[in-house]
């Protein structure tokens, strides 16, 4: 199964997953990986909730884990933040 097949439709993402993804994307634009603590502060959610969103996004191939932080997974679009 290829990466694009795993991703599925963006409409399948929950509001929490979208917020978490956008937080990671905003840091990725600056070349930085995002930690759970940073993301929780950005989206104003408990770290446990953020962790669950990160795990779902990682399993789906939208994010990649880099040590204790996260970056965007493969994608074919640009970001403008």
PDB file of N, CA and C in Angstrom:
ATOM      1  N   UNK A   1       0.848  -1.171   0.000  1.00  0.00           N
ATOM      2  CA  UNK A   1       0.000   0.000   0.000  1.00  0.00           C
ATOM      3  C   UNK A   1       0.895   1.237   0.000  1.00  0.00           C
ATOM      4  N   UNK A   2       0.677   2.165  -0.888  1.00  0.00           N
ATOM      5  CA  UNK A   2       1.468   3.386  -0.970  1.00  0.00           C
ATOM      6  C   UNK A   2       1.021   4.413   0.044  1.00  0.00           C
ATOM      7  N   UNK A   3       1.855   5.444   0.224  1.00  0.00           N
ATOM      8  CA  UNK A   3       1.548   6.491   1.197  1.00  0.00           C
ATOM      9  C   UNK A   3       0.219   7.164   0.914  1.00  0.00           C
ATOM     10  N   UNK A   4      -0.068   7.469  -0.349  1.00  0.00           N
ATOM     11  CA  UNK A   4      -1.310   8.159  -0.677  1.00  0.00           C
ATOM     12  C   UNK A   4      -2.534   7.315  -0.375  1.00  0.00           C
ATOM     13  N   UNK A   5      -2.411   5.996  -0.500  1.00  0.00           N
ATOM     14  CA  UNK A   5      -3.540   5.122  -0.191  1.00  0.00           C
ATOM     15  C   UNK A   5      -3.822   5.118   1.307  1.00  0.00           C
ATOM     16  N   UNK A   6      -2.788   5.219   2.121  1.00  0.00           N
ATOM     17  CA  UNK A   6      -2.956   5.218   3.566  1.00  0.00           C
ATOM     18  C   UNK A   6      -3.622   6.488   4.053  1.00  0.00           C
ATOM     19  N   UNK A   7      -3.326   7.600   3.405  1.00  0.00           N
ATOM     20  CA  UNK A   7      -3.790   8.887   3.899  1.00  0.00           C
ATOM     21  C   UNK A   7      -5.296   9.022   3.909  1.00  0.00           C
ATOM     22  N   UNK A   8      -5.967   8.522   2.910  1.00  0.00           N
ATOM     23  CA  UNK A   8      -7.412   8.675   2.859  1.00  0.00           C
ATOM     24  C   UNK A   8      -7.814  10.114   2.640  1.00  0.00           C
ATOM     25  N   UNK A   9      -9.062  10.387   2.788  1.00  0.00           N
ATOM     26  CA  UNK A   9      -9.627  11.707   2.542  1.00  0.00           C
ATOM     27  C   UNK A   9      -9.423  12.594   3.766  1.00  0.00           C
ATOM     28  N   UNK A  10      -9.005  13.824   3.536  1.00  0.00           N
ATOM     29  CA  UNK A  10      -8.795  14.763   4.635  1.00  0.00           C
ATOM     30  C   UNK A  10     -10.089  14.994   5.419  1.00  0.00           C
ATOM     31  N   UNK A  11     -11.227  14.801   4.792  1.00  0.00           N
ATOM     32  CA  UNK A  11     -12.507  14.976   5.478  1.00  0.00           C
ATOM     33  C   UNK A  11     -12.738  13.917   6.548  1.00  0.00           C
ATOM     34  N   UNK A  12     -11.922  12.875   6.548  1.00  0.00           N
ATOM     35  CA  UNK A  12     -12.030  11.841   7.572  1.00  0.00           C
ATOM     36  C   UNK A  12     -11.306  12.238   8.857  1.00  0.00           C
ATOM     37  N   UNK A  13     -10.553  13.330   8.829  1.00  0.00           N
ATOM     38  CA  UNK A  13      -9.824  13.781  10.007  1.00  0.00           C
ATOM     39  C   UNK A  13     -10.776  14.481  10.976  1.00  0.00           C
ATOM     40  N   UNK A  14     -10.572  14.256  12.275  1.00  0.00           N
ATOM     41  CA  UNK A  14     -11.375  14.934  13.291  1.00  0.00           C
ATOM     42  C   UNK A  14     -10.891  16.378  13.429  1.00  0.00           C
ATOM     43  N   UNK A  15     -11.670  17.194  14.098  1.00  0.00           N
ATOM     44  CA  UNK A  15     -11.281  18.585  14.335  1.00  0.00           C
ATOM     45  C   UNK A  15      -9.983  18.648  15.143  1.00  0.00           C
ATOM     46  N   UNK A  16      -9.817  17.746  16.081  1.00  0.00           N
ATOM     47  CA  UNK A  16      -8.587  17.705  16.875  1.00  0.00           C
ATOM     48  C   UNK A  16      -7.406  17.355  15.980  1.00  0.00           C
ATOM     49  N   UNK A  17      -7.554  16.344  15.129  1.00  0.00           N
ATOM     50  CA  UNK A  17      -6.473  15.950  14.227  1.00  0.00           C
ATOM     51  C   UNK A  17      -6.104  17.091  13.278  1.00  0.00           C
ATOM     52  N   UNK A  18      -7.079  17.816  12.794  1.00  0.00           N
ATOM     53  CA  UNK A  18      -6.795  18.947  11.898  1.00  0.00           C
ATOM     54  C   UNK A  18      -6.015  20.023  12.648  1.00  0.00           C
ATOM     55  N   UNK A  19      -6.429  20.349  13.865  1.00  0.00           N
ATOM     56  CA  UNK A  19      -5.715  21.349  14.659  1.00  0.00           C
ATOM     57  C   UNK A  19      -4.287  20.939  14.956  1.00  0.00           C
ATOM     58  N   UNK A  20      -4.103  19.678  15.326  1.00  0.00           N
ATOM     59  CA  UNK A  20      -2.769  19.157  15.622  1.00  0.00           C
ATOM     60  C   UNK A  20      -1.912  19.178  14.356  1.00  0.00           C
ATOM     61  N   UNK A  21      -2.483  18.741  13.245  1.00  0.00           N
ATOM     62  CA  UNK A  21      -1.748  18.731  11.977  1.00  0.00           C
ATOM     63  C   UNK A  21      -1.311  20.146  11.592  1.00  0.00           C
ATOM     64  N   UNK A  22      -2.207  21.099  11.725  1.00  0.00           N
ATOM     65  CA  UNK A  22      -1.887  22.481  11.374  1.00  0.00           C
ATOM     66  C   UNK A  22      -0.794  23.048  12.279  1.00  0.00           C
ATOM     67  N   UNK A  23      -0.795  22.678  13.556  1.00  0.00           N
ATOM     68  CA  UNK A  23       0.254  23.130  14.470  1.00  0.00           C
ATOM     69  C   UNK A  23       1.609  22.568  14.033  1.00  0.00           C
ATOM     70  N   UNK A  24       1.647  21.285  13.711  1.00  0.00           N
ATOM     71  CA  UNK A  24       2.897  20.670  13.241  1.00  0.00           C
ATOM     72  C   UNK A  24       3.335  21.329  11.930  1.00  0.00           C
ATOM     73  N   UNK A  25       2.383  21.558  11.026  1.00  0.00           N
ATOM     74  CA  UNK A  25       2.704  22.175   9.734  1.00  0.00           C
ATOM     75  C   UNK A  25       3.279  23.572   9.911  1.00  0.00           C
ATOM     76  N   UNK A  26       2.735  24.348  10.843  1.00  0.00           N
ATOM     77  CA  UNK A  26       3.232  25.714  11.035  1.00  0.00           C
ATOM     78  C   UNK A  26       4.671  25.715  11.533  1.00  0.00           C
ATOM     79  N   UNK A  27       5.041  24.741  12.338  1.00  0.00           N
ATOM     80  CA  UNK A  27       6.421  24.646  12.811  1.00  0.00           C
ATOM     81  C   UNK A  27       7.329  24.062  11.738  1.00  0.00           C
ATOM     82  N   UNK A  28       6.776  23.157  10.928  1.00  0.00           N
ATOM     83  CA  UNK A  28       7.546  22.532   9.857  1.00  0.00           C
ATOM     84  C   UNK A  28       7.987  23.575   8.826  1.00  0.00           C
ATOM     85  N   UNK A  29       7.163  24.588   8.612  1.00  0.00           N
ATOM     86  CA  UNK A  29       7.504  25.661   7.667  1.00  0.00           C
ATOM     87  C   UNK A  29       8.821  26.314   8.088  1.00  0.00           C
ATOM     88  N   UNK A  30       9.042  26.410   9.402  1.00  0.00           N
ATOM     89  CA  UNK A  30      10.271  26.995   9.927  1.00  0.00           C
ATOM     90  C   UNK A  30      11.391  25.969  10.059  1.00  0.00           C
ATOM     91  N   UNK A  31      11.141  24.744   9.575  1.00  0.00           N
ATOM     92  CA  UNK A  31      12.147  23.694   9.646  1.00  0.00           C
ATOM     93  C   UNK A  31      12.289  23.078  11.021  1.00  0.00           C
ATOM     94  N   UNK A  32      11.277  23.229  11.859  1.00  0.00           N
ATOM     95  CA  UNK A  32      11.315  22.709  13.218  1.00  0.00           C
ATOM     96  C   UNK A  32      10.362  21.541  13.382  1.00  0.00           C
ATOM     97  N   UNK A  33      10.758  20.579  14.184  1.00  0.00           N
ATOM     98  CA  UNK A  33       9.866  19.498  14.584  1.00  0.00           C
ATOM     99  C   UNK A  33       9.068  19.984  15.796  1.00  0.00           C
ATOM    100  N   UNK A  34       7.872  19.462  15.975  1.00  0.00           N
ATOM    101  CA  UNK A  34       6.971  19.912  17.041  1.00  0.00           C
ATOM    102  C   UNK A  34       6.853  18.855  18.127  1.00  0.00           C
ATOM    103  N   UNK A  35       6.991  19.276  19.381  1.00  0.00           N
ATOM    104  CA  UNK A  35       6.820  18.363  20.505  1.00  0.00           C
ATOM    105  C   UNK A  35       5.364  18.386  20.972  1.00  0.00           C
ATOM    106  N   UNK A  36       4.987  17.382  21.725  1.00  0.00           N
ATOM    107  CA  UNK A  36       3.634  17.301  22.264  1.00  0.00           C
ATOM    108  C   UNK A  36       3.325  18.547  23.093  1.00  0.00           C
ATOM    109  N   UNK A  37       4.256  18.967  23.920  1.00  0.00           N
ATOM    110  CA  UNK A  37       4.041  20.140  24.779  1.00  0.00           C
ATOM    111  C   UNK A  37       3.809  21.401  23.950  1.00  0.00           C
ATOM    112  N   UNK A  38       4.611  21.606  22.906  1.00  0.00           N
ATOM    113  CA  UNK A  38       4.438  22.789  22.046  1.00  0.00           C
ATOM    114  C   UNK A  38       3.088  22.773  21.341  1.00  0.00           C
ATOM    115  N   UNK A  39       2.728  21.603  20.826  1.00  0.00           N
ATOM    116  CA  UNK A  39       1.459  21.486  20.114  1.00  0.00           C
ATOM    117  C   UNK A  39       0.293  21.737  21.063  1.00  0.00           C
ATOM    118  N   UNK A  40       0.349  21.143  22.255  1.00  0.00           N
ATOM    119  CA  UNK A  40      -0.724  21.324  23.244  1.00  0.00           C
ATOM    120  C   UNK A  40      -0.913  22.802  23.568  1.00  0.00           C
ATOM    121  N   UNK A  41       0.185  23.510  23.701  1.00  0.00           N
ATOM    122  CA  UNK A  41       0.108  24.947  23.989  1.00  0.00           C
ATOM    123  C   UNK A  41      -0.510  25.698  22.806  1.00  0.00           C
ATOM    124  N   UNK A  42      -0.134  25.327  21.584  1.00  0.00           N
ATOM    125  CA  UNK A  42      -0.643  26.006  20.391  1.00  0.00           C
ATOM    126  C   UNK A  42      -2.143  25.785  20.187  1.00  0.00           C
ATOM    127  N   UNK A  43      -2.597  24.546  20.405  1.00  0.00           N
ATOM    128  CA  UNK A  43      -4.003  24.215  20.134  1.00  0.00           C
ATOM    129  C   UNK A  43      -4.879  24.298  21.384  1.00  0.00           C
ATOM    130  N   UNK A  44      -4.243  24.576  22.518  1.00  0.00           N
ATOM    131  CA  UNK A  44      -4.963  24.729  23.788  1.00  0.00           C
ATOM    132  C   UNK A  44      -5.781  23.485  24.151  1.00  0.00           C
ATOM    133  N   UNK A  45      -5.098  22.355  24.073  1.00  0.00           N
ATOM    134  CA  UNK A  45      -5.705  21.078  24.444  1.00  0.00           C
ATOM    135  C   UNK A  45      -4.767  20.351  25.407  1.00  0.00           C
ATOM    136  N   UNK A  46      -5.303  19.437  26.209  1.00  0.00           N
ATOM    137  CA  UNK A  46      -4.450  18.635  27.096  1.00  0.00           C
ATOM    138  C   UNK A  46      -3.462  17.789  26.280  1.00  0.00           C
ATOM    139  N   UNK A  47      -2.289  17.557  26.856  1.00  0.00           N
ATOM    140  CA  UNK A  47      -1.269  16.776  26.164  1.00  0.00           C
ATOM    141  C   UNK A  47      -1.771  15.384  25.783  1.00  0.00           C
ATOM    142  N   UNK A  48      -2.582  14.764  26.616  1.00  0.00           N
ATOM    143  CA  UNK A  48      -3.107  13.430  26.300  1.00  0.00           C
ATOM    144  C   UNK A  48      -3.967  13.463  25.036  1.00  0.00           C
ATOM    145  N   UNK A  49      -4.779  14.484  24.890  1.00  0.00           N
ATOM    146  CA  UNK A  49      -5.623  14.633  23.703  1.00  0.00           C
ATOM    147  C   UNK A  49      -4.745  14.840  22.473  1.00  0.00           C
ATOM    148  N   UNK A  50      -3.728  15.680  22.614  1.00  0.00           N
ATOM    149  CA  UNK A  50      -2.789  15.933  21.507  1.00  0.00           C
ATOM    150  C   UNK A  50      -2.071  14.638  21.145  1.00  0.00           C
ATOM    151  N   UNK A  51      -1.622  13.906  22.148  1.00  0.00           N
ATOM    152  CA  UNK A  51      -0.923  12.632  21.917  1.00  0.00           C
ATOM    153  C   UNK A  51      -1.792  11.680  21.091  1.00  0.00           C
ATOM    154  N   UNK A  52      -3.061  11.571  21.448  1.00  0.00           N
ATOM    155  CA  UNK A  52      -3.967  10.689  20.701  1.00  0.00           C
ATOM    156  C   UNK A  52      -4.091  11.139  19.244  1.00  0.00           C
ATOM    157  N   UNK A  53      -4.199  12.450  19.025  1.00  0.00           N
ATOM    158  CA  UNK A  53      -4.262  12.979  17.663  1.00  0.00           C
ATOM    159  C   UNK A  53      -2.988  12.692  16.890  1.00  0.00           C
ATOM    160  N   UNK A  54      -1.847  12.872  17.543  1.00  0.00           N
ATOM    161  CA  UNK A  54      -0.558  12.604  16.896  1.00  0.00           C
ATOM    162  C   UNK A  54      -0.421  11.141  16.510  1.00  0.00           C
ATOM    163  N   UNK A  55      -0.842  10.267  17.392  1.00  0.00           N
ATOM    164  CA  UNK A  55      -0.758   8.829  17.096  1.00  0.00           C
ATOM    165  C   UNK A  55      -1.624   8.466  15.885  1.00  0.00           C
ATOM    166  N   UNK A  56      -2.837   8.997  15.827  1.00  0.00           N
ATOM    167  CA  UNK A  56      -3.719   8.721  14.691  1.00  0.00           C
ATOM    168  C   UNK A  56      -3.116   9.261  13.401  1.00  0.00           C
ATOM    169  N   UNK A  57      -2.572  10.470  13.454  1.00  0.00           N
ATOM    170  CA  UNK A  57      -1.981  11.082  12.259  1.00  0.00           C
ATOM    171  C   UNK A  57      -0.715  10.346  11.822  1.00  0.00           C
ATOM    172  N   UNK A  58       0.042   9.831  12.779  1.00  0.00           N
ATOM    173  CA  UNK A  58       1.247   9.071  12.458  1.00  0.00           C
ATOM    174  C   UNK A  58       0.881   7.721  11.839  1.00  0.00           C
ATOM    175  N   UNK A  59      -0.101   7.042  12.421  1.00  0.00           N
ATOM    176  CA  UNK A  59      -0.552   5.757  11.861  1.00  0.00           C
ATOM    177  C   UNK A  59      -1.070   5.936  10.440  1.00  0.00           C
ATOM    178  N   UNK A  60      -1.718   7.054  10.181  1.00  0.00           N
ATOM    179  CA  UNK A  60      -2.263   7.323   8.856  1.00  0.00           C
ATOM    180  C   UNK A  60      -1.240   7.829   7.853  1.00  0.00           C
ATOM    181  N   UNK A  61      -0.010   8.081   8.300  1.00  0.00           N
ATOM    182  CA  UNK A  61       1.038   8.526   7.393  1.00  0.00           C
ATOM    183  C   UNK A  61       1.095  10.032   7.178  1.00  0.00           C
ATOM    184  N   UNK A  62       0.255  10.788   7.865  1.00  0.00           N
ATOM    185  CA  UNK A  62       0.255  12.250   7.684  1.00  0.00           C
ATOM    186  C   UNK A  62       1.409  12.920   8.420  1.00  0.00           C
ATOM    187  N   UNK A  63       1.864  12.315   9.530  1.00  0.00           N
ATOM    188  CA  UNK A  63       2.991  12.829  10.295  1.00  0.00           C
ATOM    189  C   UNK A  63       4.026  11.735  10.479  1.00  0.00           C
ATOM    190  N   UNK A  64       5.270  12.161  10.718  1.00  0.00           N
ATOM    191  CA  UNK A  64       6.362  11.240  11.019  1.00  0.00           C
ATOM    192  C   UNK A  64       6.938  11.616  12.375  1.00  0.00           C
ATOM    193  N   UNK A  65       7.295  10.610  13.136  1.00  0.00           N
ATOM    194  CA  UNK A  65       7.900  10.864  14.447  1.00  0.00           C
ATOM    195  C   UNK A  65       9.406  10.966  14.283  1.00  0.00           C
ATOM    196  N   UNK A  66       9.990  11.984  14.899  1.00  0.00           N
ATOM    197  CA  UNK A  66      11.438  12.208  14.910  1.00  0.00           C
ATOM    198  C   UNK A  66      11.868  12.338  16.362  1.00  0.00           C
ATOM    199  N   UNK A  67      12.230  11.223  16.960  1.00  0.00           N
ATOM    200  CA  UNK A  67      12.570  11.223  18.387  1.00  0.00           C
ATOM    201  C   UNK A  67      11.333  11.535  19.202  1.00  0.00           C
ATOM    202  N   UNK A  68      11.381  12.613  19.964  1.00  0.00           N
ATOM    203  CA  UNK A  68      10.248  13.032  20.793  1.00  0.00           C
ATOM    204  C   UNK A  68       9.388  14.086  20.109  1.00  0.00           C
ATOM    205  N   UNK A  69       9.592  14.300  18.817  1.00  0.00           N
ATOM    206  CA  UNK A  69       8.869  15.349  18.096  1.00  0.00           C
ATOM    207  C   UNK A  69       8.277  14.801  16.798  1.00  0.00           C
ATOM    208  N   UNK A  70       7.521  15.661  16.111  1.00  0.00           N
ATOM    209  CA  UNK A  70       6.807  15.253  14.908  1.00  0.00           C
ATOM    210  C   UNK A  70       7.026  16.252  13.780  1.00  0.00           C
ATOM    211  N   UNK A  71       7.050  15.726  12.551  1.00  0.00           N
ATOM    212  CA  UNK A  71       7.156  16.538  11.338  1.00  0.00           C
ATOM    213  C   UNK A  71       6.110  16.039  10.349  1.00  0.00           C
ATOM    214  N   UNK A  72       5.892  16.808   9.294  1.00  0.00           N
ATOM    215  CA  UNK A  72       4.939  16.389   8.268  1.00  0.00           C
ATOM    216  C   UNK A  72       5.425  15.135   7.558  1.00  0.00           C
ATOM    217  N   UNK A  73       4.480  14.284   7.207  1.00  0.00           N
ATOM    218  CA  UNK A  73       4.784  13.123   6.393  1.00  0.00           C
ATOM    219  C   UNK A  73       4.827  13.532   4.928  1.00  0.00           C
ATOM    220  N   UNK A  74       5.006  12.578   4.037  1.00  0.00           N
ATOM    221  CA  UNK A  74       5.062  12.884   2.609  1.00  0.00           C
ATOM    222  C   UNK A  74       3.772  13.565   2.137  1.00  0.00           C
ATOM    223  N   UNK A  75       3.935  14.581   1.309  1.00  0.00           N
ATOM    224  CA  UNK A  75       2.787  15.284   0.734  1.00  0.00           C
ATOM    225  C   UNK A  75       3.240  15.963  -0.557  1.00  0.00           C
ATOM    226  N   UNK A  76       2.300  16.323  -1.401  1.00  0.00           N
ATOM    227  CA  UNK A  76       2.651  16.924  -2.684  1.00  0.00           C
ATOM    228  C   UNK A  76       2.051  18.317  -2.851  1.00  0.00           C
ATOM    229  N   UNK A  77       1.979  19.053  -1.764  1.00  0.00           N
ATOM    230  CA  UNK A  77       1.441  20.408  -1.806  1.00  0.00           C
ATOM    231  C   UNK A  77       2.337  21.307  -0.975  1.00  0.00           C
ATOM    232  N   UNK A  78       2.257  22.589  -1.218  1.00  0.00           N
ATOM    233  CA  UNK A  78       3.069  23.563  -0.484  1.00  0.00           C
ATOM    234  C   UNK A  78       2.260  24.181   0.638  1.00  0.00           C
ATOM    235  N   UNK A  79       2.954  24.814   1.549  1.00  0.00           N
ATOM    236  CA  UNK A  79       2.311  25.499   2.669  1.00  0.00           C
ATOM    237  C   UNK A  79       2.616  26.984   2.589  1.00  0.00           C
ATOM    238  N   UNK A  80       1.672  27.776   2.970  1.00  0.00           N
ATOM    239  CA  UNK A  80       1.862  29.222   2.977  1.00  0.00           C
ATOM    240  C   UNK A  80       1.361  29.768   4.308  1.00  0.00           C
ATOM    241  N   UNK A  81       2.260  29.838   5.307  1.00  0.00           N
ATOM    242  CA  UNK A  81       1.892  30.354   6.630  1.00  0.00           C
ATOM    243  C   UNK A  81       2.579  31.678   6.846  1.00  0.00           C
TER     244      UNK A  81
END
